[in-house]
Amino acid sequence: MLPEELQEKLERDIAAVDHPKELAVDVMFALQKHYGYLTDEAVETAADLLGIAPVEIEEIATFYTFVYREPVGKYVIHVCDSLLCMLDGSETIEDHLQRKLGIRAGETTDDGLFTLLPVCCIGYCDRAPAMLINRKVYGPLTVESLDAVIDRLKTEHTPTD
């Protein structure tokens, strides 16, 4: 169930535009923020709010890299695997992340802290090899700088009881 405040905000935002479908991504992000990922319930809610079929929401959701249809960790790491980053060492970075976190691409750590996702070009070729963690760019990366970022995030995280 969507909180009344969020429901009302989304309805206001949608009412303010001529073509509600233009807010589909914004609505999906708001629902994803609430649920942690775009659940089946969220797809239905988005479709109802926008007056479109759920399959249309699904089509849009599967197109966008930052819309998650499955649960993800607190920190979502997108490692750029474009040609430029690959030439500058992204494969080394991704391999190191997999070893350090004990997961493969597409997986989440057992503690729910990190999800590792490869992505084709994040648009920071000037910082290659690069990655995004929760949409914040890091690069150019080395194994050492990568370790520092991951270790900092681990120490900042306080488990909930």
Protein backbone atom coordinates (compact mmCIF):
# COMPACT_ATOMS: atom_id res chain seq x y z
CA MET A 1 0.00 0.00 0.00
CA LEU A 2 1.30 3.38 -0.99
CA PRO A 3 1.52 6.04 1.72
CA GLU A 4 -1.20 8.67 1.28
CA GLU A 5 1.37 11.49 1.07
CA LEU A 6 3.24 9.82 -1.82
CA GLN A 7 -0.02 8.91 -3.58
CA GLU A 8 -1.20 12.53 -3.38
CA LYS A 9 2.14 13.93 -4.56
CA LEU A 10 2.20 11.65 -7.60
CA GLU A 11 -1.41 12.46 -8.42
CA ARG A 12 -0.65 16.22 -8.20
CA ASP A 13 2.43 15.86 -10.41
CA ILE A 14 0.50 13.86 -13.00
CA ALA A 15 -2.43 16.28 -12.99
CA ALA A 16 -0.03 19.15 -13.73
CA VAL A 17 1.09 17.80 -17.12
CA ASP A 18 -0.71 17.51 -20.45
CA HIS A 19 0.52 13.99 -21.15
CA PRO A 20 0.74 11.84 -18.00
CA LYS A 21 2.85 9.18 -19.72
CA GLU A 22 5.74 11.67 -19.86
CA LEU A 23 6.08 11.20 -16.08
CA ALA A 24 6.31 7.41 -16.28
CA VAL A 25 9.99 7.27 -15.36
CA ASP A 26 9.57 9.79 -12.53
CA VAL A 27 6.65 7.78 -11.14
CA MET A 28 8.64 4.55 -11.40
CA PHE A 29 11.59 6.12 -9.57
CA ALA A 30 9.32 7.42 -6.80
CA LEU A 31 7.74 3.99 -6.37
CA GLN A 32 11.12 2.29 -6.54
CA LYS A 33 12.43 4.59 -3.82
CA HIS A 34 9.45 3.66 -1.64
CA TYR A 35 9.57 -0.13 -2.22
CA GLY A 36 13.33 -0.53 -2.74
CA TYR A 37 12.74 -1.75 -6.29
CA LEU A 38 9.91 -1.65 -8.83
CA THR A 39 7.68 -4.40 -7.47
CA ASP A 40 4.79 -5.94 -9.39
CA GLU A 41 2.48 -3.91 -7.13
CA ALA A 42 4.41 -0.76 -8.08
CA VAL A 43 4.00 -1.55 -11.79
CA GLU A 44 0.24 -1.83 -11.28
CA THR A 45 0.16 1.37 -9.20
CA ALA A 46 2.17 3.30 -11.81
CA ALA A 47 -0.11 2.07 -14.59
CA ASP A 48 -3.23 3.07 -12.63
CA LEU A 49 -1.83 6.50 -11.79
CA LEU A 50 -0.81 7.17 -15.39
CA GLY A 51 -3.88 5.63 -17.01
CA ILE A 52 -1.88 3.18 -19.11
CA ALA A 53 -1.55 -0.59 -19.27
CA PRO A 54 0.88 -2.32 -16.88
CA VAL A 55 2.68 -3.82 -19.88
CA GLU A 56 3.60 -0.28 -20.96
CA ILE A 57 5.20 0.37 -17.57
CA GLU A 58 7.03 -2.95 -17.86
CA GLU A 59 8.33 -2.02 -21.32
CA ILE A 60 9.67 1.29 -20.05
CA ALA A 61 11.11 -0.30 -16.89
CA THR A 62 13.05 -2.94 -18.78
CA PHE A 63 14.59 -0.27 -21.01
CA TYR A 64 16.11 1.81 -18.22
CA THR A 65 19.23 0.62 -16.41
CA PHE A 66 18.35 2.41 -13.19
CA VAL A 67 14.91 0.86 -12.80
CA TYR A 68 15.26 -2.35 -10.81
CA ARG A 69 12.63 -5.06 -11.20
CA GLU A 70 14.28 -7.23 -8.54
CA PRO A 71 15.50 -6.37 -5.04
CA VAL A 72 18.89 -4.66 -4.94
CA GLY A 73 21.39 -3.84 -2.22
CA LYS A 74 21.67 -0.58 -0.33
CA TYR A 75 24.53 0.36 -2.67
CA VAL A 76 24.01 -0.40 -6.35
CA ILE A 77 27.32 -0.44 -8.18
CA HIS A 78 27.21 0.06 -11.94
CA VAL A 79 30.55 -0.78 -13.52
CA CYS A 80 31.03 0.71 -16.95
CA ASP A 81 31.90 -1.97 -19.47
CA SER A 82 32.13 0.25 -22.55
CA LEU A 83 35.05 -0.15 -24.92
CA LEU A 84 36.93 2.87 -23.57
CA CYS A 85 36.59 1.77 -19.94
CA MET A 86 37.49 -1.77 -20.96
CA LEU A 87 40.69 -0.50 -22.59
CA ASP A 88 41.43 1.48 -19.43
CA GLY A 89 40.88 -1.46 -17.09
CA SER A 90 37.19 -1.88 -16.28
CA GLU A 91 37.50 -5.66 -16.55
CA THR A 92 40.15 -5.56 -13.83
CA ILE A 93 37.91 -3.32 -11.73
CA GLU A 94 34.86 -5.58 -12.17
CA ASP A 95 36.91 -8.72 -11.47
CA HIS A 96 38.32 -7.12 -8.32
CA LEU A 97 34.86 -6.07 -7.16
CA GLN A 98 33.55 -9.59 -7.68
CA ARG A 99 36.37 -11.04 -5.58
CA LYS A 100 36.16 -8.36 -2.88
CA LEU A 101 32.40 -8.59 -2.52
CA GLY A 102 32.14 -12.34 -3.12
CA ILE A 103 29.48 -11.94 -5.81
CA ARG A 104 29.20 -12.05 -9.58
CA ALA A 105 27.71 -9.41 -11.84
CA GLY A 106 23.96 -9.24 -11.31
CA GLU A 107 24.14 -10.47 -7.72
CA THR A 108 23.71 -8.91 -4.30
CA THR A 109 25.88 -9.58 -1.26
CA ASP A 110 24.34 -11.79 1.43
CA ASP A 111 24.14 -8.84 3.82
CA GLY A 112 22.11 -6.87 1.25
CA LEU A 113 24.67 -4.11 1.16
CA PHE A 114 25.97 -4.24 -2.43
CA THR A 115 24.57 -5.15 -5.83
CA LEU A 116 26.97 -5.30 -8.77
CA LEU A 117 25.62 -4.49 -12.23
CA PRO A 118 27.57 -3.97 -15.44
CA VAL A 119 26.32 -1.14 -17.62
CA CYS A 120 27.21 -0.05 -21.12
CA CYS A 121 28.67 3.42 -20.90
CA ILE A 122 27.84 5.72 -18.04
CA GLY A 123 29.05 8.78 -19.95
CA TYR A 124 32.21 9.43 -17.93
CA CYS A 125 34.79 8.40 -20.51
CA ASP A 126 37.06 11.17 -19.24
CA ARG A 127 37.22 9.29 -15.91
CA ALA A 128 37.72 5.78 -17.29
CA PRO A 129 37.63 3.24 -15.84
CA ALA A 130 34.58 4.46 -13.97
CA MET A 131 31.63 3.22 -11.95
CA LEU A 132 28.52 4.62 -10.35
CA ILE A 133 27.40 3.82 -6.82
CA ASN A 134 23.84 4.97 -6.25
CA ARG A 135 24.30 7.32 -9.21
CA LYS A 136 27.47 8.95 -7.86
CA VAL A 137 30.42 8.66 -10.24
CA TYR A 138 33.81 7.32 -9.17
CA GLY A 139 36.84 7.35 -11.43
CA PRO A 140 39.36 7.03 -12.77
CA LEU A 141 39.52 3.89 -10.67
CA THR A 142 42.42 1.84 -9.47
CA VAL A 143 42.20 -1.25 -7.31
CA GLU A 144 43.38 0.86 -4.40
CA SER A 145 40.85 3.66 -4.88
CA LEU A 146 38.12 1.08 -5.38
CA ASP A 147 39.03 -0.66 -2.12
CA ALA A 148 38.95 2.69 -0.30
CA VAL A 149 35.43 3.45 -1.57
CA ILE A 150 34.04 0.00 -0.73
CA ASP A 151 35.71 -0.08 2.68
CA ARG A 152 34.34 3.38 3.51
CA LEU A 153 30.82 2.33 2.55
CA LYS A 154 31.12 -0.80 4.66
CA THR A 155 32.24 1.16 7.71
CA GLU A 156 29.56 3.83 7.23
CA HIS A 157 26.88 1.15 7.16
CA THR A 158 25.39 0.40 10.53
CA PRO A 159 23.33 -2.78 10.55
CA THR A 160 19.75 -2.36 11.67
CA ASP A 161 18.54 -4.45 14.57
